[in-house]
Amino acid sequence: MREAIAVKPVPKVVRRYSSPMLTKRKRLELLELARSTSRARDVYVHDYWSPSYFARVVAPPNVLVEERRSRGWAATNLSPHQNKVCMESALGILRRPLG
């Protein structure tokens, strides 16, 4: 049998600064960020899917990332760090065993 968990009241200071609209706005911002990163990752996978990139995809990602940085990132609405993370995750997708 489960024990009852005591629920502590939320302090007044926390309640005063929290707002359902702020939470909704943050949620929408995170949703848009997730969509942007997903689109960027798809672009990177598409760009490096060709067998001609195989040797460079399986090599350490730094060289490929630096080349892409100099050519320009896939998503202009993302920060350079977010683009780099998207590209590294796309390279991870391309490296994974198929099977």
N, C-alpha and C. Protein backbone atom coordinates (compact mmCIF):
# COMPACT_ATOMS: atom_id res chain seq x y z
N MET A 1 0.83 -1.18 0.00
CA MET A 1 0.00 0.00 0.00
C MET A 1 0.88 1.24 0.00
N ARG A 2 0.51 2.22 -0.76
CA ARG A 2 1.29 3.44 -0.84
C ARG A 2 1.03 4.34 0.34
N GLU A 3 2.10 4.99 0.74
CA GLU A 3 1.95 5.97 1.81
C GLU A 3 1.54 7.31 1.22
N ALA A 4 0.80 8.05 1.98
CA ALA A 4 0.40 9.38 1.53
C ALA A 4 1.61 10.32 1.59
N ILE A 5 1.80 11.06 0.53
CA ILE A 5 2.90 12.01 0.48
C ILE A 5 2.38 13.37 0.93
N ALA A 6 3.08 13.93 1.88
CA ALA A 6 2.67 15.24 2.38
C ALA A 6 3.02 16.30 1.34
N VAL A 7 2.04 17.09 0.96
CA VAL A 7 2.24 18.15 -0.02
C VAL A 7 2.48 19.45 0.74
N LYS A 8 3.64 20.02 0.48
CA LYS A 8 3.96 21.28 1.13
C LYS A 8 3.37 22.43 0.32
N PRO A 9 2.88 23.44 1.00
CA PRO A 9 2.35 24.59 0.26
C PRO A 9 3.47 25.34 -0.46
N VAL A 10 3.13 25.94 -1.58
CA VAL A 10 4.10 26.73 -2.34
C VAL A 10 4.25 28.08 -1.65
N PRO A 11 5.49 28.48 -1.36
CA PRO A 11 5.69 29.76 -0.69
C PRO A 11 5.09 30.92 -1.49
N LYS A 12 4.64 31.94 -0.78
CA LYS A 12 3.98 33.09 -1.39
C LYS A 12 4.91 33.80 -2.39
N VAL A 13 6.20 33.83 -2.09
CA VAL A 13 7.15 34.48 -2.98
C VAL A 13 7.18 33.79 -4.34
N VAL A 14 7.14 32.47 -4.34
CA VAL A 14 7.15 31.71 -5.58
C VAL A 14 5.85 31.91 -6.33
N ARG A 15 4.74 31.88 -5.63
CA ARG A 15 3.44 32.06 -6.27
C ARG A 15 3.32 33.43 -6.91
N ARG A 16 3.88 34.44 -6.28
CA ARG A 16 3.74 35.80 -6.77
C ARG A 16 4.44 35.98 -8.11
N TYR A 17 5.56 35.30 -8.34
CA TYR A 17 6.33 35.48 -9.55
C TYR A 17 6.05 34.43 -10.63
N SER A 18 5.16 33.53 -10.38
CA SER A 18 4.82 32.55 -11.41
C SER A 18 3.52 32.96 -12.07
N SER A 19 3.46 32.72 -13.36
CA SER A 19 2.28 33.12 -14.11
C SER A 19 1.98 32.05 -15.15
N PRO A 20 0.72 31.69 -15.30
CA PRO A 20 0.38 30.69 -16.33
C PRO A 20 0.75 31.17 -17.73
N MET A 21 0.62 32.47 -18.01
CA MET A 21 0.97 32.99 -19.32
C MET A 21 2.48 32.89 -19.57
N LEU A 22 3.27 33.17 -18.54
CA LEU A 22 4.70 33.04 -18.69
C LEU A 22 5.06 31.59 -19.00
N THR A 23 4.42 30.69 -18.30
CA THR A 23 4.68 29.28 -18.53
C THR A 23 4.26 28.89 -19.95
N LYS A 24 3.13 29.39 -20.39
CA LYS A 24 2.66 29.09 -21.74
C LYS A 24 3.61 29.68 -22.78
N ARG A 25 4.07 30.89 -22.54
CA ARG A 25 5.01 31.52 -23.47
C ARG A 25 6.32 30.75 -23.53
N LYS A 26 6.83 30.34 -22.37
CA LYS A 26 8.06 29.56 -22.33
C LYS A 26 7.88 28.24 -23.07
N ARG A 27 6.74 27.62 -22.86
CA ARG A 27 6.47 26.35 -23.52
C ARG A 27 6.47 26.52 -25.03
N LEU A 28 5.86 27.60 -25.52
CA LEU A 28 5.84 27.87 -26.95
C LEU A 28 7.24 28.17 -27.49
N GLU A 29 8.05 28.88 -26.70
CA GLU A 29 9.44 29.15 -27.11
C GLU A 29 10.24 27.86 -27.21
N LEU A 30 10.06 26.99 -26.23
CA LEU A 30 10.76 25.70 -26.26
C LEU A 30 10.30 24.83 -27.42
N LEU A 31 9.01 24.89 -27.71
CA LEU A 31 8.47 24.13 -28.83
C LEU A 31 9.07 24.64 -30.15
N GLU A 32 9.16 25.95 -30.31
CA GLU A 32 9.75 26.52 -31.52
C GLU A 32 11.24 26.19 -31.61
N LEU A 33 11.93 26.21 -30.48
CA LEU A 33 13.34 25.84 -30.45
C LEU A 33 13.52 24.38 -30.87
N ALA A 34 12.65 23.51 -30.37
CA ALA A 34 12.72 22.09 -30.73
C ALA A 34 12.47 21.89 -32.23
N ARG A 35 11.51 22.63 -32.77
CA ARG A 35 11.23 22.52 -34.20
C ARG A 35 12.43 23.02 -35.03
N SER A 36 13.01 24.13 -34.61
CA SER A 36 14.15 24.69 -35.34
C SER A 36 15.35 23.75 -35.31
N THR A 37 15.62 23.17 -34.14
CA THR A 37 16.75 22.25 -34.05
C THR A 37 16.49 20.98 -34.86
N SER A 38 15.27 20.53 -34.88
CA SER A 38 14.93 19.34 -35.66
C SER A 38 15.10 19.61 -37.15
N ARG A 39 14.64 20.78 -37.61
CA ARG A 39 14.81 21.14 -39.03
C ARG A 39 16.29 21.25 -39.38
N ALA A 40 17.09 21.89 -38.51
CA ALA A 40 18.52 22.04 -38.76
C ALA A 40 19.20 20.68 -38.81
N ARG A 41 18.85 19.79 -37.89
CA ARG A 41 19.45 18.46 -37.88
C ARG A 41 19.09 17.70 -39.16
N ASP A 42 17.86 17.85 -39.63
CA ASP A 42 17.45 17.20 -40.88
C ASP A 42 18.25 17.74 -42.07
N VAL A 43 18.53 19.04 -42.07
CA VAL A 43 19.33 19.63 -43.15
C VAL A 43 20.74 19.05 -43.13
N TYR A 44 21.33 18.95 -41.94
CA TYR A 44 22.68 18.40 -41.83
C TYR A 44 22.72 16.93 -42.27
N VAL A 45 21.74 16.15 -41.88
CA VAL A 45 21.69 14.74 -42.29
C VAL A 45 21.58 14.67 -43.81
N HIS A 46 20.71 15.49 -44.39
CA HIS A 46 20.54 15.50 -45.84
C HIS A 46 21.83 15.92 -46.54
N ASP A 47 22.51 16.94 -46.01
CA ASP A 47 23.73 17.45 -46.64
C ASP A 47 24.87 16.43 -46.62
N TYR A 48 24.97 15.63 -45.57
CA TYR A 48 26.10 14.71 -45.42
C TYR A 48 25.73 13.25 -45.61
N TRP A 49 24.56 12.97 -46.20
CA TRP A 49 24.09 11.61 -46.38
C TRP A 49 24.85 10.90 -47.51
N SER A 50 25.38 11.64 -48.44
CA SER A 50 26.04 11.07 -49.61
C SER A 50 27.24 10.21 -49.21
N PRO A 51 27.46 9.10 -49.91
CA PRO A 51 28.62 8.25 -49.61
C PRO A 51 29.96 8.97 -49.77
N SER A 52 29.98 10.06 -50.53
CA SER A 52 31.23 10.79 -50.72
C SER A 52 31.71 11.44 -49.41
N TYR A 53 30.80 11.61 -48.46
CA TYR A 53 31.17 12.19 -47.16
C TYR A 53 31.51 11.14 -46.11
N PHE A 54 31.44 9.86 -46.48
CA PHE A 54 31.58 8.79 -45.49
C PHE A 54 32.86 8.91 -44.66
N ALA A 55 33.98 9.07 -45.31
CA ALA A 55 35.27 9.12 -44.59
C ALA A 55 35.32 10.32 -43.64
N ARG A 56 34.71 11.42 -44.04
CA ARG A 56 34.72 12.60 -43.18
C ARG A 56 33.71 12.51 -42.05
N VAL A 57 32.61 11.80 -42.30
CA VAL A 57 31.58 11.65 -41.26
C VAL A 57 32.08 10.75 -40.13
N VAL A 58 32.80 9.69 -40.46
CA VAL A 58 33.27 8.78 -39.41
C VAL A 58 34.53 9.29 -38.72
N ALA A 59 35.19 10.29 -39.28
CA ALA A 59 36.36 10.90 -38.64
C ALA A 59 35.88 11.80 -37.48
N PRO A 60 36.79 12.25 -36.63
CA PRO A 60 36.37 13.19 -35.58
C PRO A 60 35.65 14.40 -36.19
N PRO A 61 34.57 14.85 -35.55
CA PRO A 61 33.70 15.84 -36.17
C PRO A 61 34.26 17.26 -36.24
N ASN A 62 35.37 17.54 -35.57
CA ASN A 62 35.84 18.93 -35.48
C ASN A 62 36.11 19.56 -36.84
N VAL A 63 36.74 18.84 -37.74
CA VAL A 63 37.09 19.40 -39.04
C VAL A 63 35.84 19.74 -39.84
N LEU A 64 34.90 18.81 -39.87
CA LEU A 64 33.66 19.02 -40.61
C LEU A 64 32.84 20.16 -40.01
N VAL A 65 32.81 20.24 -38.69
CA VAL A 65 32.08 21.30 -38.01
C VAL A 65 32.71 22.66 -38.33
N GLU A 66 34.04 22.73 -38.30
CA GLU A 66 34.71 24.01 -38.60
C GLU A 66 34.50 24.42 -40.05
N GLU A 67 34.50 23.45 -40.97
CA GLU A 67 34.21 23.77 -42.37
C GLU A 67 32.80 24.33 -42.51
N ARG A 68 31.86 23.70 -41.83
CA ARG A 68 30.47 24.16 -41.91
C ARG A 68 30.33 25.54 -41.27
N ARG A 69 31.04 25.78 -40.20
CA ARG A 69 30.98 27.08 -39.53
C ARG A 69 31.42 28.18 -40.51
N SER A 70 32.49 27.92 -41.27
CA SER A 70 32.98 28.94 -42.20
C SER A 70 32.03 29.13 -43.39
N ARG A 71 31.33 28.08 -43.81
CA ARG A 71 30.36 28.19 -44.92
C ARG A 71 29.05 28.80 -44.48
N GLY A 72 28.72 28.65 -43.21
CA GLY A 72 27.45 29.14 -42.69
C GLY A 72 26.61 28.01 -42.14
N TRP A 73 25.91 28.29 -41.07
CA TRP A 73 25.09 27.28 -40.41
C TRP A 73 23.78 27.08 -41.15
N ALA A 74 23.13 25.98 -40.90
CA ALA A 74 21.86 25.64 -41.56
C ALA A 74 20.71 26.51 -41.06
N ALA A 75 20.69 26.81 -39.77
CA ALA A 75 19.58 27.57 -39.18
C ALA A 75 20.10 28.91 -38.67
N THR A 76 19.67 29.97 -39.31
CA THR A 76 20.13 31.30 -38.89
C THR A 76 19.46 31.77 -37.62
N ASN A 77 18.32 31.18 -37.27
CA ASN A 77 17.62 31.59 -36.05
C ASN A 77 18.16 30.89 -34.80
N LEU A 78 19.11 29.98 -34.96
CA LEU A 78 19.73 29.31 -33.82
C LEU A 78 21.11 29.91 -33.57
N SER A 79 21.56 29.82 -32.34
CA SER A 79 22.89 30.31 -32.01
C SER A 79 23.95 29.39 -32.62
N PRO A 80 25.19 29.88 -32.76
CA PRO A 80 26.25 29.00 -33.27
C PRO A 80 26.40 27.72 -32.45
N HIS A 81 26.28 27.84 -31.14
CA HIS A 81 26.39 26.64 -30.30
C HIS A 81 25.26 25.65 -30.59
N GLN A 82 24.04 26.15 -30.72
CA GLN A 82 22.90 25.27 -31.00
C GLN A 82 23.07 24.60 -32.37
N ASN A 83 23.56 25.35 -33.36
CA ASN A 83 23.83 24.76 -34.67
C ASN A 83 24.89 23.68 -34.58
N LYS A 84 25.94 23.95 -33.80
CA LYS A 84 27.02 22.97 -33.65
C LYS A 84 26.49 21.69 -33.01
N VAL A 85 25.64 21.83 -32.00
CA VAL A 85 25.05 20.66 -31.34
C VAL A 85 24.16 19.90 -32.33
N CYS A 86 23.39 20.62 -33.13
CA CYS A 86 22.54 19.96 -34.14
C CYS A 86 23.39 19.19 -35.14
N MET A 87 24.47 19.81 -35.57
CA MET A 87 25.32 19.14 -36.55
C MET A 87 25.99 17.91 -35.94
N GLU A 88 26.47 18.03 -34.72
CA GLU A 88 27.11 16.88 -34.07
C GLU A 88 26.11 15.75 -33.85
N SER A 89 24.86 16.08 -33.53
CA SER A 89 23.87 15.01 -33.36
C SER A 89 23.52 14.39 -34.71
N ALA A 90 23.51 15.20 -35.78
CA ALA A 90 23.26 14.66 -37.12
C ALA A 90 24.39 13.73 -37.54
N LEU A 91 25.63 14.13 -37.22
CA LEU A 91 26.75 13.25 -37.53
C LEU A 91 26.66 11.95 -36.73
N GLY A 92 26.18 12.04 -35.51
CA GLY A 92 25.96 10.83 -34.70
C GLY A 92 24.92 9.93 -35.33
N ILE A 93 23.88 10.52 -35.88
CA ILE A 93 22.84 9.74 -36.57
C ILE A 93 23.45 9.03 -37.78
N LEU A 94 24.29 9.75 -38.52
CA LEU A 94 24.90 9.16 -39.72
C LEU A 94 25.92 8.08 -39.37
N ARG A 95 26.52 8.16 -38.20
CA ARG A 95 27.53 7.18 -37.79
C ARG A 95 26.93 5.91 -37.22
N ARG A 96 25.73 5.97 -36.74
CA ARG A 96 25.18 4.80 -36.06
C ARG A 96 25.07 3.61 -36.99
N PRO A 97 25.20 2.43 -36.44
CA PRO A 97 25.11 1.23 -37.28
C PRO A 97 23.72 1.09 -37.90
N LEU A 98 23.69 0.75 -39.14
CA LEU A 98 22.42 0.55 -39.82
C LEU A 98 22.07 -0.94 -39.78
N GLY A 99 21.15 -1.28 -38.92
CA GLY A 99 20.81 -2.69 -38.88
C GLY A 99 20.14 -3.12 -37.65
